[in-house]
Amino acid sequence: MSDAVPTRVVGDLANLPETASGASHLVWWGNIGFMAIEGTAFALAAGAYLYLMSQTAGWPPDGVRPPDLLWPAVLTLGLFLSEIPNLWVRRCAKAKNERGVRIGTLAMTVLGLLLLIPRGIEFGHLNVTWYDNAYGSLTWMLLVLHTSHLITDIGDTAVQSVWLYTHEVGDDQFADVEDNANYWTFVVLTWIPVGALVYLAPRFG
């Protein structure tokens, strides 16, 4: 009979945490990768806009007025102000403040739905339709692209809020709230170049 191979312990994992947040959490890196992919989509759309703008004699074409500025100004102000409660709910998530994340996600859901009002009105003040010309198609494409991200995050926040109010809140839920807050900041920041292309480029490009 051959001798038994002795068992050798190479490490003790008993003291490792069962959950994590931030960069220690795999989902956090997935969220970063998701934003990188979507950021690339924004960059490609912006590149297409700038390329056609450089190849066209008039931008916008003759007879087309640049988009009106009132409603995008309202939206932009609202987006920047929304970062105040967004940063607060992110701090609550990091501090594992159960009451704070419940109130914060509910508030962000309401704020997001309110921001869809000026965004919806914006489409009626672009002064061009998507099928009129290349300028119109690209202008609508950029606005629809950003709107899809707004709606996605608002929907995610709403589902998250319902879950937090109807289930026990654990470490994984706190990490999810933090990731969602990071994504909202991404949506706000992407509006800066997108908004500049849609509303400023036709005036100063």
N, C-alpha and C. Protein backbone atom coordinates (compact mmCIF):
# COMPACT_ATOMS: atom_id res chain seq x y z
N MET A 1 0.85 -1.19 0.00
CA MET A 1 0.00 0.00 0.00
C MET A 1 0.90 1.25 0.00
N SER A 2 0.54 2.20 -0.88
CA SER A 2 1.35 3.42 -0.97
C SER A 2 1.04 4.34 0.20
N ASP A 3 2.03 5.14 0.54
CA ASP A 3 1.84 6.09 1.64
C ASP A 3 0.86 7.19 1.22
N ALA A 4 -0.01 7.60 2.14
CA ALA A 4 -0.96 8.68 1.86
C ALA A 4 -0.24 10.02 1.76
N VAL A 5 -0.69 10.81 0.83
CA VAL A 5 -0.09 12.14 0.66
C VAL A 5 -0.60 13.04 1.79
N PRO A 6 0.27 13.64 2.53
CA PRO A 6 -0.18 14.49 3.65
C PRO A 6 -0.89 15.74 3.14
N THR A 7 -1.91 16.16 3.87
CA THR A 7 -2.64 17.37 3.52
C THR A 7 -1.88 18.59 4.04
N ARG A 8 -1.73 19.59 3.17
CA ARG A 8 -0.99 20.78 3.56
C ARG A 8 -1.89 22.01 3.42
N VAL A 9 -2.08 22.74 4.48
CA VAL A 9 -2.89 23.95 4.47
C VAL A 9 -2.03 25.10 3.95
N VAL A 10 -2.48 25.73 2.85
CA VAL A 10 -1.70 26.82 2.25
C VAL A 10 -2.22 28.19 2.65
N GLY A 11 -3.36 28.26 3.25
CA GLY A 11 -3.89 29.55 3.66
C GLY A 11 -5.21 29.40 4.38
N ASP A 12 -5.54 30.34 5.20
CA ASP A 12 -6.79 30.35 5.95
C ASP A 12 -7.63 31.52 5.47
N LEU A 13 -8.79 31.21 4.85
CA LEU A 13 -9.67 32.24 4.30
C LEU A 13 -10.81 32.60 5.24
N ALA A 14 -10.75 32.09 6.44
CA ALA A 14 -11.87 32.28 7.36
C ALA A 14 -12.10 33.74 7.72
N ASN A 15 -11.04 34.54 7.69
CA ASN A 15 -11.19 35.94 8.11
C ASN A 15 -11.50 36.89 6.96
N LEU A 16 -11.65 36.36 5.75
CA LEU A 16 -12.01 37.22 4.62
C LEU A 16 -13.45 37.68 4.77
N PRO A 17 -13.76 38.93 4.38
CA PRO A 17 -15.15 39.40 4.48
C PRO A 17 -16.05 38.67 3.50
N GLU A 18 -17.31 38.50 3.89
CA GLU A 18 -18.27 37.82 3.02
C GLU A 18 -18.77 38.73 1.91
N THR A 19 -18.76 40.04 2.13
CA THR A 19 -19.20 40.99 1.12
C THR A 19 -18.19 42.12 1.02
N ALA A 20 -18.35 42.93 -0.03
CA ALA A 20 -17.43 44.06 -0.23
C ALA A 20 -18.19 45.15 -0.96
N SER A 21 -17.57 46.32 -1.02
CA SER A 21 -18.16 47.44 -1.76
C SER A 21 -17.04 48.19 -2.45
N GLY A 22 -17.44 49.11 -3.33
CA GLY A 22 -16.44 49.89 -4.05
C GLY A 22 -15.58 49.03 -4.95
N ALA A 23 -14.32 49.39 -5.07
CA ALA A 23 -13.41 48.68 -5.98
C ALA A 23 -13.12 47.26 -5.55
N SER A 24 -13.50 46.90 -4.34
CA SER A 24 -13.31 45.52 -3.87
C SER A 24 -14.43 44.60 -4.32
N HIS A 25 -15.48 45.17 -4.91
CA HIS A 25 -16.65 44.40 -5.33
C HIS A 25 -16.60 44.18 -6.84
N LEU A 26 -16.85 42.95 -7.26
CA LEU A 26 -16.79 42.63 -8.68
C LEU A 26 -17.80 43.43 -9.50
N VAL A 27 -18.99 43.65 -8.93
CA VAL A 27 -20.02 44.40 -9.64
C VAL A 27 -19.58 45.84 -9.89
N TRP A 28 -18.80 46.40 -8.98
CA TRP A 28 -18.28 47.76 -9.16
C TRP A 28 -17.47 47.84 -10.44
N TRP A 29 -16.61 46.85 -10.66
CA TRP A 29 -15.80 46.82 -11.89
C TRP A 29 -16.66 46.58 -13.12
N GLY A 30 -17.73 45.78 -12.95
CA GLY A 30 -18.66 45.59 -14.06
C GLY A 30 -19.34 46.89 -14.44
N ASN A 31 -19.69 47.69 -13.43
CA ASN A 31 -20.32 48.99 -13.67
C ASN A 31 -19.35 49.93 -14.38
N ILE A 32 -18.09 49.91 -13.97
CA ILE A 32 -17.07 50.73 -14.64
C ILE A 32 -16.92 50.32 -16.10
N GLY A 33 -16.89 49.00 -16.34
CA GLY A 33 -16.79 48.52 -17.72
C GLY A 33 -17.99 48.91 -18.55
N PHE A 34 -19.18 48.85 -17.92
CA PHE A 34 -20.41 49.24 -18.61
C PHE A 34 -20.36 50.71 -19.02
N MET A 35 -19.89 51.56 -18.10
CA MET A 35 -19.78 52.98 -18.41
C MET A 35 -18.73 53.24 -19.49
N ALA A 36 -17.66 52.45 -19.48
CA ALA A 36 -16.63 52.62 -20.51
C ALA A 36 -17.19 52.27 -21.89
N ILE A 37 -17.97 51.20 -21.97
CA ILE A 37 -18.59 50.81 -23.23
C ILE A 37 -19.55 51.89 -23.72
N GLU A 38 -20.39 52.37 -22.81
CA GLU A 38 -21.37 53.40 -23.20
C GLU A 38 -20.68 54.73 -23.50
N GLY A 39 -19.60 55.02 -22.79
CA GLY A 39 -18.83 56.22 -23.11
C GLY A 39 -18.25 56.15 -24.50
N THR A 40 -17.84 54.95 -24.92
CA THR A 40 -17.34 54.76 -26.28
C THR A 40 -18.44 55.01 -27.30
N ALA A 41 -19.66 54.56 -26.98
CA ALA A 41 -20.80 54.81 -27.88
C ALA A 41 -21.05 56.30 -28.03
N PHE A 42 -20.98 57.04 -26.92
CA PHE A 42 -21.14 58.50 -26.99
C PHE A 42 -20.03 59.11 -27.85
N ALA A 43 -18.81 58.62 -27.68
CA ALA A 43 -17.68 59.16 -28.45
C ALA A 43 -17.85 58.91 -29.94
N LEU A 44 -18.33 57.72 -30.30
CA LEU A 44 -18.56 57.40 -31.71
C LEU A 44 -19.66 58.28 -32.29
N ALA A 45 -20.73 58.49 -31.53
CA ALA A 45 -21.81 59.36 -32.00
C ALA A 45 -21.33 60.79 -32.17
N ALA A 46 -20.52 61.26 -31.21
CA ALA A 46 -19.98 62.62 -31.31
C ALA A 46 -19.04 62.73 -32.50
N GLY A 47 -18.25 61.68 -32.76
CA GLY A 47 -17.36 61.69 -33.91
C GLY A 47 -18.10 61.78 -35.22
N ALA A 48 -19.21 61.05 -35.32
CA ALA A 48 -20.03 61.11 -36.54
C ALA A 48 -20.61 62.50 -36.72
N TYR A 49 -21.06 63.09 -35.64
CA TYR A 49 -21.62 64.46 -35.69
C TYR A 49 -20.56 65.45 -36.16
N LEU A 50 -19.39 65.40 -35.55
CA LEU A 50 -18.33 66.36 -35.90
C LEU A 50 -17.83 66.15 -37.33
N TYR A 51 -17.77 64.90 -37.77
CA TYR A 51 -17.30 64.63 -39.13
C TYR A 51 -18.26 65.23 -40.16
N LEU A 52 -19.55 64.94 -40.01
CA LEU A 52 -20.51 65.48 -40.98
C LEU A 52 -20.61 67.01 -40.87
N MET A 53 -20.43 67.52 -39.68
CA MET A 53 -20.43 68.97 -39.51
C MET A 53 -19.28 69.59 -40.30
N SER A 54 -18.11 68.94 -40.28
CA SER A 54 -16.94 69.47 -40.99
C SER A 54 -17.06 69.34 -42.50
N GLN A 55 -17.94 68.45 -42.97
CA GLN A 55 -18.09 68.22 -44.40
C GLN A 55 -19.29 68.94 -45.00
N THR A 56 -19.97 69.72 -44.18
CA THR A 56 -21.18 70.40 -44.63
C THR A 56 -20.96 71.91 -44.64
N ALA A 57 -21.45 72.56 -45.69
CA ALA A 57 -21.23 74.00 -45.84
C ALA A 57 -21.95 74.79 -44.75
N GLY A 58 -23.17 74.40 -44.42
CA GLY A 58 -23.94 75.10 -43.39
C GLY A 58 -24.38 74.15 -42.30
N TRP A 59 -24.18 74.52 -41.06
CA TRP A 59 -24.57 73.66 -39.93
C TRP A 59 -25.17 74.51 -38.83
N PRO A 60 -26.48 74.53 -38.70
CA PRO A 60 -27.46 73.73 -39.45
C PRO A 60 -27.63 74.25 -40.88
N PRO A 61 -28.29 73.45 -41.73
CA PRO A 61 -28.50 73.88 -43.12
C PRO A 61 -29.32 75.16 -43.20
N ASP A 62 -29.24 75.82 -44.32
CA ASP A 62 -30.02 77.05 -44.53
C ASP A 62 -31.50 76.80 -44.29
N GLY A 63 -32.13 77.73 -43.62
CA GLY A 63 -33.56 77.61 -43.35
C GLY A 63 -33.90 76.87 -42.07
N VAL A 64 -32.88 76.35 -41.38
CA VAL A 64 -33.11 75.61 -40.13
C VAL A 64 -32.51 76.42 -38.97
N ARG A 65 -33.33 76.76 -38.00
CA ARG A 65 -32.83 77.49 -36.84
C ARG A 65 -32.16 76.54 -35.85
N PRO A 66 -31.13 77.01 -35.16
CA PRO A 66 -30.54 76.18 -34.10
C PRO A 66 -31.58 75.87 -33.03
N PRO A 67 -31.38 74.82 -32.27
CA PRO A 67 -32.34 74.46 -31.21
C PRO A 67 -32.50 75.59 -30.19
N ASP A 68 -33.71 75.70 -29.65
CA ASP A 68 -33.96 76.68 -28.59
C ASP A 68 -33.20 76.29 -27.32
N LEU A 69 -32.90 77.29 -26.49
CA LEU A 69 -32.01 77.06 -25.35
C LEU A 69 -32.71 76.98 -23.99
N LEU A 70 -33.96 77.41 -23.88
CA LEU A 70 -34.60 77.48 -22.57
C LEU A 70 -34.70 76.12 -21.89
N TRP A 71 -35.31 75.16 -22.55
CA TRP A 71 -35.56 73.87 -21.90
C TRP A 71 -34.29 73.06 -21.63
N PRO A 72 -33.32 73.07 -22.55
CA PRO A 72 -32.06 72.40 -22.19
C PRO A 72 -31.35 73.08 -21.02
N ALA A 73 -31.53 74.40 -20.88
CA ALA A 73 -30.94 75.09 -19.73
C ALA A 73 -31.60 74.61 -18.44
N VAL A 74 -32.92 74.46 -18.48
CA VAL A 74 -33.65 73.95 -17.30
C VAL A 74 -33.17 72.54 -16.96
N LEU A 75 -33.05 71.70 -17.97
CA LEU A 75 -32.60 70.32 -17.75
C LEU A 75 -31.18 70.29 -17.19
N THR A 76 -30.29 71.08 -17.77
CA THR A 76 -28.90 71.09 -17.33
C THR A 76 -28.80 71.52 -15.88
N LEU A 77 -29.53 72.56 -15.51
CA LEU A 77 -29.54 73.01 -14.11
C LEU A 77 -30.07 71.90 -13.20
N GLY A 78 -31.14 71.23 -13.65
CA GLY A 78 -31.69 70.15 -12.85
C GLY A 78 -30.74 68.99 -12.68
N LEU A 79 -30.02 68.65 -13.74
CA LEU A 79 -29.05 67.55 -13.66
C LEU A 79 -27.93 67.87 -12.67
N PHE A 80 -27.42 69.09 -12.75
CA PHE A 80 -26.34 69.45 -11.84
C PHE A 80 -26.82 69.49 -10.39
N LEU A 81 -28.02 70.03 -10.17
CA LEU A 81 -28.56 70.08 -8.81
C LEU A 81 -28.87 68.68 -8.28
N SER A 82 -29.21 67.75 -9.18
CA SER A 82 -29.52 66.39 -8.74
C SER A 82 -28.30 65.68 -8.17
N GLU A 83 -27.11 66.19 -8.46
CA GLU A 83 -25.91 65.58 -7.90
C GLU A 83 -25.82 65.79 -6.39
N ILE A 84 -26.52 66.80 -5.87
CA ILE A 84 -26.49 67.02 -4.41
C ILE A 84 -27.11 65.84 -3.67
N PRO A 85 -28.37 65.46 -3.97
CA PRO A 85 -28.92 64.26 -3.30
C PRO A 85 -28.24 62.97 -3.74
N ASN A 86 -27.73 62.96 -4.97
CA ASN A 86 -27.06 61.74 -5.45
C ASN A 86 -25.78 61.47 -4.65
N LEU A 87 -24.99 62.51 -4.42
CA LEU A 87 -23.77 62.33 -3.62
C LEU A 87 -24.12 61.98 -2.18
N TRP A 88 -25.24 62.52 -1.69
CA TRP A 88 -25.67 62.21 -0.32
C TRP A 88 -26.06 60.74 -0.19
N VAL A 89 -26.82 60.23 -1.16
CA VAL A 89 -27.24 58.83 -1.07
C VAL A 89 -26.04 57.90 -1.25
N ARG A 90 -25.04 58.33 -2.02
CA ARG A 90 -23.83 57.51 -2.15
C ARG A 90 -23.09 57.45 -0.82
N ARG A 91 -23.02 58.57 -0.10
CA ARG A 91 -22.38 58.56 1.22
C ARG A 91 -23.17 57.68 2.19
N CYS A 92 -24.49 57.73 2.09
CA CYS A 92 -25.32 56.87 2.94
C CYS A 92 -25.04 55.39 2.67
N ALA A 93 -24.87 55.06 1.40
CA ALA A 93 -24.58 53.67 1.05
C ALA A 93 -23.24 53.22 1.62
N LYS A 94 -22.24 54.10 1.52
CA LYS A 94 -20.92 53.75 2.06
C LYS A 94 -20.96 53.62 3.57
N ALA A 95 -21.80 54.45 4.21
CA ALA A 95 -21.92 54.40 5.67
C ALA A 95 -22.90 53.33 6.13
N LYS A 96 -23.52 52.62 5.17
CA LYS A 96 -24.52 51.58 5.48
C LYS A 96 -25.68 52.15 6.29
N ASN A 97 -26.14 53.30 5.85
CA ASN A 97 -27.26 53.99 6.47
C ASN A 97 -28.54 53.53 5.77
N GLU A 98 -29.26 52.61 6.41
CA GLU A 98 -30.42 51.99 5.79
C GLU A 98 -31.53 53.01 5.50
N ARG A 99 -31.84 53.85 6.47
CA ARG A 99 -32.88 54.86 6.27
C ARG A 99 -32.46 55.85 5.18
N GLY A 100 -31.20 56.22 5.16
CA GLY A 100 -30.71 57.17 4.18
C GLY A 100 -30.82 56.67 2.76
N VAL A 101 -30.46 55.40 2.51
CA VAL A 101 -30.52 54.89 1.14
C VAL A 101 -31.97 54.73 0.67
N ARG A 102 -32.85 54.41 1.60
CA ARG A 102 -34.27 54.30 1.22
C ARG A 102 -34.83 55.66 0.80
N ILE A 103 -34.58 56.66 1.64
CA ILE A 103 -35.07 58.01 1.32
C ILE A 103 -34.37 58.53 0.06
N GLY A 104 -33.07 58.30 -0.04
CA GLY A 104 -32.30 58.83 -1.16
C GLY A 104 -32.69 58.25 -2.50
N THR A 105 -32.90 56.95 -2.56
CA THR A 105 -33.28 56.34 -3.84
C THR A 105 -34.69 56.77 -4.25
N LEU A 106 -35.57 56.93 -3.27
CA LEU A 106 -36.92 57.42 -3.58
C LEU A 106 -36.86 58.85 -4.11
N ALA A 107 -36.05 59.69 -3.45
CA ALA A 107 -35.91 61.09 -3.90
C ALA A 107 -35.31 61.16 -5.29
N MET A 108 -34.30 60.32 -5.58
CA MET A 108 -33.67 60.34 -6.90
C MET A 108 -34.63 59.84 -7.98
N THR A 109 -35.51 58.92 -7.62
CA THR A 109 -36.52 58.45 -8.58
C THR A 109 -37.46 59.59 -8.95
N VAL A 110 -37.94 60.31 -7.94
CA VAL A 110 -38.86 61.43 -8.19
C VAL A 110 -38.15 62.52 -9.01
N LEU A 111 -36.92 62.86 -8.64
CA LEU A 111 -36.17 63.88 -9.36
C LEU A 111 -35.94 63.46 -10.82
N GLY A 112 -35.61 62.20 -11.00
CA GLY A 112 -35.39 61.72 -12.37
C GLY A 112 -36.64 61.82 -13.22
N LEU A 113 -37.79 61.45 -12.65
CA LEU A 113 -39.04 61.55 -13.41
C LEU A 113 -39.37 63.01 -13.74
N LEU A 114 -39.08 63.92 -12.81
CA LEU A 114 -39.31 65.34 -13.07
C LEU A 114 -38.40 65.85 -14.18
N LEU A 115 -37.17 65.35 -14.24
CA LEU A 115 -36.23 65.79 -15.27
C LEU A 115 -36.65 65.32 -16.67
N LEU A 116 -37.46 64.27 -16.73
CA LEU A 116 -37.94 63.81 -18.03
C LEU A 116 -38.91 64.81 -18.66
N ILE A 117 -39.48 65.69 -17.85
CA ILE A 117 -40.42 66.70 -18.40
C ILE A 117 -39.70 67.68 -19.31
N PRO A 118 -38.65 68.39 -18.83
CA PRO A 118 -37.94 69.28 -19.76
C PRO A 118 -37.27 68.53 -20.89
N ARG A 119 -36.83 67.30 -20.63
CA ARG A 119 -36.22 66.52 -21.72
C ARG A 119 -37.24 66.23 -22.81
N GLY A 120 -38.45 65.87 -22.43
CA GLY A 120 -39.48 65.62 -23.43
C GLY A 120 -39.82 66.87 -24.22
N ILE A 121 -39.88 68.02 -23.53
CA ILE A 121 -40.18 69.27 -24.21
C ILE A 121 -39.05 69.65 -25.17
N GLU A 122 -37.83 69.29 -24.83
CA GLU A 122 -36.67 69.60 -25.69
C GLU A 122 -36.88 69.12 -27.12
N PHE A 123 -37.42 67.94 -27.28
CA PHE A 123 -37.56 67.37 -28.62
C PHE A 123 -38.43 68.25 -29.51
N GLY A 124 -39.39 68.92 -28.90
CA GLY A 124 -40.26 69.80 -29.69
C GLY A 124 -39.63 71.14 -30.00
N HIS A 125 -38.45 71.40 -29.44
CA HIS A 125 -37.78 72.69 -29.65
C HIS A 125 -36.42 72.52 -30.33
N LEU A 126 -36.21 71.39 -30.99
CA LEU A 126 -34.99 71.21 -31.76
C LEU A 126 -35.05 71.94 -33.10
N ASN A 127 -36.26 72.30 -33.50
CA ASN A 127 -36.50 73.03 -34.76
C ASN A 127 -36.10 72.24 -36.00
N VAL A 128 -36.06 70.92 -35.87
CA VAL A 128 -35.76 70.05 -36.99
C VAL A 128 -36.25 68.65 -36.61
N THR A 129 -36.66 67.88 -37.59
CA THR A 129 -37.05 66.48 -37.33
C THR A 129 -35.93 65.56 -37.76
N TRP A 130 -35.99 64.33 -37.29
CA TRP A 130 -34.88 63.41 -37.54
C TRP A 130 -34.76 63.01 -39.00
N TYR A 131 -35.84 63.18 -39.79
CA TYR A 131 -35.82 62.75 -41.18
C TYR A 131 -35.63 63.91 -42.16
N ASP A 132 -35.43 65.12 -41.67
CA ASP A 132 -35.27 66.27 -42.56
C ASP A 132 -33.94 66.24 -43.32
N ASN A 133 -32.87 65.97 -42.61
CA ASN A 133 -31.54 66.01 -43.20
C ASN A 133 -30.55 65.34 -42.24
N ALA A 134 -29.27 65.29 -42.65
CA ALA A 134 -28.25 64.65 -41.80
C ALA A 134 -28.10 65.38 -40.48
N TYR A 135 -28.19 66.69 -40.52
CA TYR A 135 -28.10 67.47 -39.27
C TYR A 135 -29.21 67.06 -38.31
N GLY A 136 -30.43 66.98 -38.80
CA GLY A 136 -31.54 66.59 -37.96
C GLY A 136 -31.39 65.18 -37.41
N SER A 137 -30.92 64.26 -38.25
CA SER A 137 -30.75 62.87 -37.82
C SER A 137 -29.73 62.77 -36.69
N LEU A 138 -28.60 63.47 -36.83
CA LEU A 138 -27.56 63.40 -35.81
C LEU A 138 -27.96 64.12 -34.53
N THR A 139 -28.67 65.22 -34.67
CA THR A 139 -29.14 65.94 -33.49
C THR A 139 -30.09 65.07 -32.68
N TRP A 140 -31.03 64.44 -33.35
CA TRP A 140 -31.97 63.55 -32.66
C TRP A 140 -31.25 62.33 -32.10
N MET A 141 -30.29 61.80 -32.84
CA MET A 141 -29.56 60.62 -32.37
C MET A 141 -28.88 60.91 -31.04
N LEU A 142 -28.19 62.05 -30.94
CA LEU A 142 -27.49 62.38 -29.70
C LEU A 142 -28.47 62.55 -28.54
N LEU A 143 -29.59 63.22 -28.80
CA LEU A 143 -30.55 63.45 -27.73
C LEU A 143 -31.24 62.16 -27.31
N VAL A 144 -31.58 61.32 -28.27
CA VAL A 144 -32.21 60.03 -27.95
C VAL A 144 -31.23 59.14 -27.19
N LEU A 145 -29.96 59.17 -27.59
CA LEU A 145 -28.94 58.36 -26.91
C LEU A 145 -28.83 58.74 -25.44
N HIS A 146 -28.77 60.02 -25.17
CA HIS A 146 -28.66 60.44 -23.77
C HIS A 146 -29.96 60.18 -23.02
N THR A 147 -31.09 60.38 -23.68
CA THR A 147 -32.38 60.13 -23.04
C THR A 147 -32.52 58.66 -22.64
N SER A 148 -32.03 57.76 -23.48
CA SER A 148 -32.11 56.33 -23.15
C SER A 148 -31.34 56.02 -21.88
N HIS A 149 -30.24 56.72 -21.66
CA HIS A 149 -29.47 56.52 -20.43
C HIS A 149 -30.19 57.11 -19.22
N LEU A 150 -30.82 58.25 -19.42
CA LEU A 150 -31.62 58.82 -18.34
C LEU A 150 -32.72 57.85 -17.90
N ILE A 151 -33.46 57.36 -18.88
CA ILE A 151 -34.59 56.46 -18.57
C ILE A 151 -34.10 55.17 -17.92
N THR A 152 -32.98 54.65 -18.43
CA THR A 152 -32.43 53.42 -17.87
C THR A 152 -32.09 53.58 -16.39
N ASP A 153 -31.42 54.68 -16.06
CA ASP A 153 -31.01 54.84 -14.67
C ASP A 153 -32.20 55.18 -13.77
N ILE A 154 -33.14 55.95 -14.28
CA ILE A 154 -34.33 56.25 -13.48
C ILE A 154 -35.10 54.96 -13.19
N GLY A 155 -35.24 54.11 -14.20
CA GLY A 155 -35.92 52.83 -13.99
C GLY A 155 -35.19 51.95 -13.00
N ASP A 156 -33.86 51.92 -13.11
CA ASP A 156 -33.06 51.12 -12.18
C ASP A 156 -33.21 51.65 -10.75
N THR A 157 -33.21 52.97 -10.60
CA THR A 157 -33.35 53.58 -9.27
C THR A 157 -34.73 53.30 -8.69
N ALA A 158 -35.75 53.34 -9.54
CA ALA A 158 -37.11 53.07 -9.07
C ALA A 158 -37.24 51.63 -8.56
N VAL A 159 -36.72 50.68 -9.32
CA VAL A 159 -36.76 49.28 -8.89
C VAL A 159 -35.97 49.10 -7.59
N GLN A 160 -34.83 49.76 -7.53
CA GLN A 160 -33.99 49.68 -6.33
C GLN A 160 -34.73 50.23 -5.12
N SER A 161 -35.43 51.35 -5.31
CA SER A 161 -36.16 51.97 -4.21
C SER A 161 -37.26 51.04 -3.69
N VAL A 162 -38.02 50.44 -4.60
CA VAL A 162 -39.08 49.51 -4.20
C VAL A 162 -38.48 48.34 -3.42
N TRP A 163 -37.36 47.81 -3.91
CA TRP A 163 -36.71 46.68 -3.24
C TRP A 163 -36.28 47.07 -1.82
N LEU A 164 -35.69 48.24 -1.68
CA LEU A 164 -35.18 48.67 -0.37
C LEU A 164 -36.30 48.85 0.64
N TYR A 165 -37.48 49.26 0.16
CA TYR A 165 -38.61 49.48 1.06
C TYR A 165 -39.37 48.19 1.38
N THR A 166 -39.12 47.14 0.61
CA THR A 166 -39.90 45.90 0.79
C THR A 166 -39.05 44.71 1.22
N HIS A 167 -37.73 44.90 1.31
CA HIS A 167 -36.85 43.81 1.71
C HIS A 167 -35.85 44.29 2.75
N GLU A 168 -35.22 43.33 3.37
CA GLU A 168 -34.14 43.65 4.30
C GLU A 168 -32.95 44.19 3.51
N VAL A 169 -32.30 45.20 4.04
CA VAL A 169 -31.17 45.83 3.37
C VAL A 169 -29.87 45.26 3.93
N GLY A 170 -29.08 44.67 3.03
CA GLY A 170 -27.80 44.10 3.43
C GLY A 170 -26.64 44.77 2.72
N ASP A 171 -25.47 44.22 2.90
CA ASP A 171 -24.27 44.81 2.32
C ASP A 171 -24.34 44.86 0.80
N ASP A 172 -24.90 43.83 0.17
CA ASP A 172 -25.00 43.82 -1.29
C ASP A 172 -25.90 44.95 -1.80
N GLN A 173 -26.96 45.23 -1.07
CA GLN A 173 -27.86 46.31 -1.48
C GLN A 173 -27.18 47.67 -1.32
N PHE A 174 -26.41 47.84 -0.27
CA PHE A 174 -25.66 49.09 -0.11
C PHE A 174 -24.68 49.28 -1.27
N ALA A 175 -24.03 48.19 -1.67
CA ALA A 175 -23.09 48.26 -2.79
C ALA A 175 -23.82 48.60 -4.09
N ASP A 176 -25.03 48.04 -4.26
CA ASP A 176 -25.82 48.34 -5.47
C ASP A 176 -26.20 49.82 -5.52
N VAL A 177 -26.59 50.38 -4.38
CA VAL A 177 -26.96 51.79 -4.33
C VAL A 177 -25.76 52.66 -4.69
N GLU A 178 -24.61 52.31 -4.18
CA GLU A 178 -23.39 53.07 -4.49
C GLU A 178 -23.09 53.02 -6.00
N ASP A 179 -23.21 51.83 -6.59
CA ASP A 179 -22.94 51.68 -8.02
C ASP A 179 -23.94 52.48 -8.84
N ASN A 180 -25.20 52.47 -8.42
CA ASN A 180 -26.22 53.21 -9.15
C ASN A 180 -25.99 54.71 -9.07
N ALA A 181 -25.53 55.19 -7.91
CA ALA A 181 -25.21 56.60 -7.77
C ALA A 181 -24.04 56.99 -8.67
N ASN A 182 -23.06 56.11 -8.77
CA ASN A 182 -21.94 56.36 -9.68
C ASN A 182 -22.42 56.46 -11.13
N TYR A 183 -23.37 55.62 -11.48
CA TYR A 183 -23.87 55.62 -12.86
C TYR A 183 -24.63 56.92 -13.15
N TRP A 184 -25.38 57.43 -12.16
CA TRP A 184 -26.10 58.69 -12.37
C TRP A 184 -25.10 59.82 -12.63
N THR A 185 -24.00 59.83 -11.89
CA THR A 185 -22.97 60.84 -12.13
C THR A 185 -22.44 60.73 -13.56
N PHE A 186 -22.29 59.51 -14.05
CA PHE A 186 -21.86 59.29 -15.43
C PHE A 186 -22.86 59.90 -16.40
N VAL A 187 -24.14 59.70 -16.15
CA VAL A 187 -25.18 60.25 -17.03
C VAL A 187 -25.14 61.77 -17.02
N VAL A 188 -24.93 62.36 -15.85
CA VAL A 188 -24.85 63.82 -15.74
C VAL A 188 -23.64 64.34 -16.51
N LEU A 189 -22.49 63.72 -16.33
CA LEU A 189 -21.26 64.20 -16.96
C LEU A 189 -21.29 64.04 -18.49
N THR A 190 -21.91 62.97 -18.98
CA THR A 190 -21.97 62.79 -20.44
C THR A 190 -22.84 63.85 -21.10
N TRP A 191 -23.74 64.46 -20.32
CA TRP A 191 -24.58 65.50 -20.91
C TRP A 191 -23.78 66.74 -21.29
N ILE A 192 -22.66 66.98 -20.63
CA ILE A 192 -21.86 68.18 -20.92
C ILE A 192 -21.40 68.19 -22.39
N PRO A 193 -20.69 67.17 -22.88
CA PRO A 193 -20.30 67.19 -24.29
C PRO A 193 -21.47 67.01 -25.25
N VAL A 194 -22.43 66.16 -24.87
CA VAL A 194 -23.59 65.95 -25.75
C VAL A 194 -24.39 67.23 -25.90
N GLY A 195 -24.66 67.89 -24.78
CA GLY A 195 -25.40 69.15 -24.82
C GLY A 195 -24.67 70.23 -25.60
N ALA A 196 -23.33 70.25 -25.46
CA ALA A 196 -22.54 71.24 -26.20
C ALA A 196 -22.66 71.01 -27.71
N LEU A 197 -22.66 69.76 -28.13
CA LEU A 197 -22.79 69.47 -29.56
C LEU A 197 -24.17 69.84 -30.09
N VAL A 198 -25.19 69.48 -29.33
CA VAL A 198 -26.56 69.70 -29.80
C VAL A 198 -26.91 71.19 -29.82
N TYR A 199 -26.50 71.92 -28.77
CA TYR A 199 -27.00 73.29 -28.62
C TYR A 199 -25.97 74.40 -28.92
N LEU A 200 -24.69 74.11 -28.75
CA LEU A 200 -23.69 75.15 -28.97
C LEU A 200 -23.01 75.04 -30.34
N ALA A 201 -22.75 73.81 -30.77
CA ALA A 201 -22.07 73.64 -32.07
C ALA A 201 -22.82 74.30 -33.23
N PRO A 202 -24.15 74.20 -33.31
CA PRO A 202 -24.85 74.87 -34.40
C PRO A 202 -24.74 76.41 -34.36
N ARG A 203 -24.38 76.94 -33.19
CA ARG A 203 -24.29 78.39 -33.06
C ARG A 203 -22.86 78.91 -33.24
N PHE A 204 -21.89 78.12 -32.78
CA PHE A 204 -20.51 78.61 -32.77
C PHE A 204 -19.58 77.72 -33.57
N GLY A 205 -20.08 76.62 -34.16
CA GLY A 205 -19.22 75.70 -34.86
C GLY A 205 -18.78 76.24 -36.23
